[in-house]
C-alpha atoms as a PDB file:
ATOM      1  CA  UNK A   1      84.091 210.600 153.603  1.00  0.00           C
ATOM      2  CA  UNK A   2      82.235 207.825 155.429  1.00  0.00           C
ATOM      3  CA  UNK A   3      79.043 208.540 153.492  1.00  0.00           C
ATOM      4  CA  UNK A   4      80.848 208.063 150.186  1.00  0.00           C
ATOM      5  CA  UNK A   5      82.504 204.854 151.396  1.00  0.00           C
ATOM      6  CA  UNK A   6      79.200 203.517 152.717  1.00  0.00           C
ATOM      7  CA  UNK A   7      77.424 204.345 149.458  1.00  0.00           C
ATOM      8  CA  UNK A   8      80.137 202.574 147.461  1.00  0.00           C
ATOM      9  CA  UNK A   9      79.934 199.455 149.634  1.00  0.00           C
ATOM     10  CA  UNK A  10      76.155 199.300 149.371  1.00  0.00           C
ATOM     11  CA  UNK A  11      76.398 199.727 145.606  1.00  0.00           C
ATOM     12  CA  UNK A  12      78.910 196.885 145.349  1.00  0.00           C
ATOM     13  CA  UNK A  13      76.786 194.579 147.496  1.00  0.00           C
ATOM     14  CA  UNK A  14      73.681 195.259 145.413  1.00  0.00           C
ATOM     15  CA  UNK A  15      75.608 194.589 142.218  1.00  0.00           C
ATOM     16  CA  UNK A  16      76.936 191.310 143.619  1.00  0.00           C
ATOM     17  CA  UNK A  17      73.494 190.184 144.751  1.00  0.00           C
ATOM     18  CA  UNK A  18      71.869 190.969 141.417  1.00  0.00           C
ATOM     19  CA  UNK A  19      74.498 189.012 139.483  1.00  0.00           C
ATOM     20  CA  UNK A  20      73.958 185.862 141.584  1.00  0.00           C
ATOM     21  CA  UNK A  21      70.756 185.015 139.714  1.00  0.00           C
ATOM     22  CA  UNK A  22      72.435 185.082 136.300  1.00  0.00           C
ATOM     23  CA  UNK A  23      73.780 181.815 134.875  1.00  0.00           C
ATOM     24  CA  UNK A  24      77.500 181.322 135.247  1.00  0.00           C
ATOM     25  CA  UNK A  25      79.160 181.596 131.861  1.00  0.00           C
ATOM     26  CA  UNK A  26      82.773 181.207 132.923  1.00  0.00           C
ATOM     27  CA  UNK A  27      84.266 177.731 133.191  1.00  0.00           C
ATOM     28  CA  UNK A  28      87.611 176.762 134.659  1.00  0.00           C
ATOM     29  CA  UNK A  29      87.848 173.909 132.181  1.00  0.00           C
ATOM     30  CA  UNK A  30      88.932 174.590 128.588  1.00  0.00           C
ATOM     31  CA  UNK A  31      87.435 173.025 125.479  1.00  0.00           C
ATOM     32  CA  UNK A  32      90.173 171.501 123.326  1.00  0.00           C
ATOM     33  CA  UNK A  33      90.862 169.264 120.350  1.00  0.00           C
ATOM     34  CA  UNK A  34      92.669 165.966 120.890  1.00  0.00           C
ATOM     35  CA  UNK A  35      95.913 167.217 119.285  1.00  0.00           C
ATOM     36  CA  UNK A  36      96.021 170.069 121.812  1.00  0.00           C
ATOM     37  CA  UNK A  37      96.190 167.766 124.824  1.00  0.00           C
ATOM     38  CA  UNK A  38      98.809 165.243 123.710  1.00  0.00           C
ATOM     39  CA  UNK A  39     101.085 166.324 126.578  1.00  0.00           C
ATOM     40  CA  UNK A  40      98.305 165.968 129.177  1.00  0.00           C
ATOM     41  CA  UNK A  41      96.965 163.093 131.258  1.00  0.00           C
ATOM     42  CA  UNK A  42      93.472 161.839 130.449  1.00  0.00           C
ATOM     43  CA  UNK A  43      91.843 160.528 133.586  1.00  0.00           C
ATOM     44  CA  UNK A  44      88.052 160.472 133.207  1.00  0.00           C
ATOM     45  CA  UNK A  45      85.121 160.318 130.826  1.00  0.00           C
ATOM     46  CA  UNK A  46      82.046 162.407 131.505  1.00  0.00           C
ATOM     47  CA  UNK A  47      78.580 162.610 130.039  1.00  0.00           C
ATOM     48  CA  UNK A  48      76.089 165.420 129.899  1.00  0.00           C
ATOM     49  CA  UNK A  49      72.361 165.508 129.253  1.00  0.00           C
ATOM     50  CA  UNK A  50      70.272 168.411 128.015  1.00  0.00           C
ATOM     51  CA  UNK A  51      66.650 168.972 127.108  1.00  0.00           C
ATOM     52  CA  UNK A  52      64.610 171.716 125.563  1.00  0.00           C
ATOM     53  CA  UNK A  53      65.444 174.559 123.241  1.00  0.00           C
ATOM     54  CA  UNK A  54      69.130 174.712 124.193  1.00  0.00           C
ATOM     55  CA  UNK A  55      69.627 170.990 124.688  1.00  0.00           C
ATOM     56  CA  UNK A  56      73.138 170.746 123.217  1.00  0.00           C
ATOM     57  CA  UNK A  57      74.415 173.754 125.153  1.00  0.00           C
ATOM     58  CA  UNK A  58      72.886 172.440 128.386  1.00  0.00           C
ATOM     59  CA  UNK A  59      74.376 168.983 127.821  1.00  0.00           C
ATOM     60  CA  UNK A  60      77.844 170.447 127.263  1.00  0.00           C
ATOM     61  CA  UNK A  61      77.575 172.679 130.330  1.00  0.00           C
ATOM     62  CA  UNK A  62      76.483 169.651 132.353  1.00  0.00           C
ATOM     63  CA  UNK A  63      79.522 167.658 131.206  1.00  0.00           C
ATOM     64  CA  UNK A  64      81.875 170.598 131.771  1.00  0.00           C
ATOM     65  CA  UNK A  65      80.593 170.988 135.324  1.00  0.00           C
ATOM     66  CA  UNK A  66      81.350 167.304 135.983  1.00  0.00           C
ATOM     67  CA  UNK A  67      84.843 167.763 134.553  1.00  0.00           C
ATOM     68  CA  UNK A  68      85.468 170.783 136.758  1.00  0.00           C
ATOM     69  CA  UNK A  69      84.293 168.891 139.841  1.00  0.00           C
ATOM     70  CA  UNK A  70      86.849 166.184 139.029  1.00  0.00           C
ATOM     71  CA  UNK A  71      89.635 168.751 138.763  1.00  0.00           C
ATOM     72  CA  UNK A  72      90.139 168.605 135.005  1.00  0.00           C
ATOM     73  CA  UNK A  73      91.709 171.428 133.047  1.00  0.00           C
ATOM     74  CA  UNK A  74      90.606 170.465 129.523  1.00  0.00           C
ATOM     75  CA  UNK A  75      87.668 168.667 127.912  1.00  0.00           C
ATOM     76  CA  UNK A  76      87.608 166.986 124.489  1.00  0.00           C
ATOM     77  CA  UNK A  77      84.212 166.145 122.998  1.00  0.00           C
ATOM     78  CA  UNK A  78      83.895 162.591 121.696  1.00  0.00           C
ATOM     79  CA  UNK A  79      80.267 162.049 120.823  1.00  0.00           C
ATOM     80  CA  UNK A  80      77.005 163.945 120.496  1.00  0.00           C
ATOM     81  CA  UNK A  81      73.587 162.288 120.331  1.00  0.00           C
ATOM     82  CA  UNK A  82      70.888 164.761 119.235  1.00  0.00           C
ATOM     83  CA  UNK A  83      68.018 162.563 120.409  1.00  0.00           C
ATOM     84  CA  UNK A  84      65.574 163.377 123.157  1.00  0.00           C
ATOM     85  CA  UNK A  85      67.309 164.034 125.505  1.00  0.00           C
ATOM     86  CA  UNK A  86      70.502 165.287 123.854  1.00  0.00           C
ATOM     87  CA  UNK A  87      73.600 163.552 125.237  1.00  0.00           C
ATOM     88  CA  UNK A  88      77.321 164.289 124.979  1.00  0.00           C
ATOM     89  CA  UNK A  89      80.385 162.250 125.923  1.00  0.00           C
ATOM     90  CA  UNK A  90      83.808 163.760 126.562  1.00  0.00           C
ATOM     91  CA  UNK A  91      87.260 162.950 127.925  1.00  0.00           C
ATOM     92  CA  UNK A  92      88.659 165.012 130.780  1.00  0.00           C
ATOM     93  CA  UNK A  93      92.353 165.891 130.822  1.00  0.00           C
ATOM     94  CA  UNK A  94      94.633 167.395 133.418  1.00  0.00           C
ATOM     95  CA  UNK A  95      97.344 169.548 131.851  1.00  0.00           C
ATOM     96  CA  UNK A  96     100.195 171.195 133.704  1.00  0.00           C
ATOM     97  CA  UNK A  97     100.339 174.720 132.399  1.00  0.00           C
END
């Protein structure tokens, strides 16, 4: 019994450790259109910067991370500049669910 439990715990710990190196794909903040957040409070603007092959994706992730740190629930993209570096601007909203 203890051998099985120990083996399961070790397996779970190894799985958890191996997944720590992977990029986090889940965000607590939701992308939305402006008509979807009319009942929410806008309280901040954020920017994101990205470079390289996935510049736009990196810029959006950067901005979403800032929005999450501020406690926002939704993000609405305002502007995208595809220069070098790629930049995005967005408004952060807090919506009561």
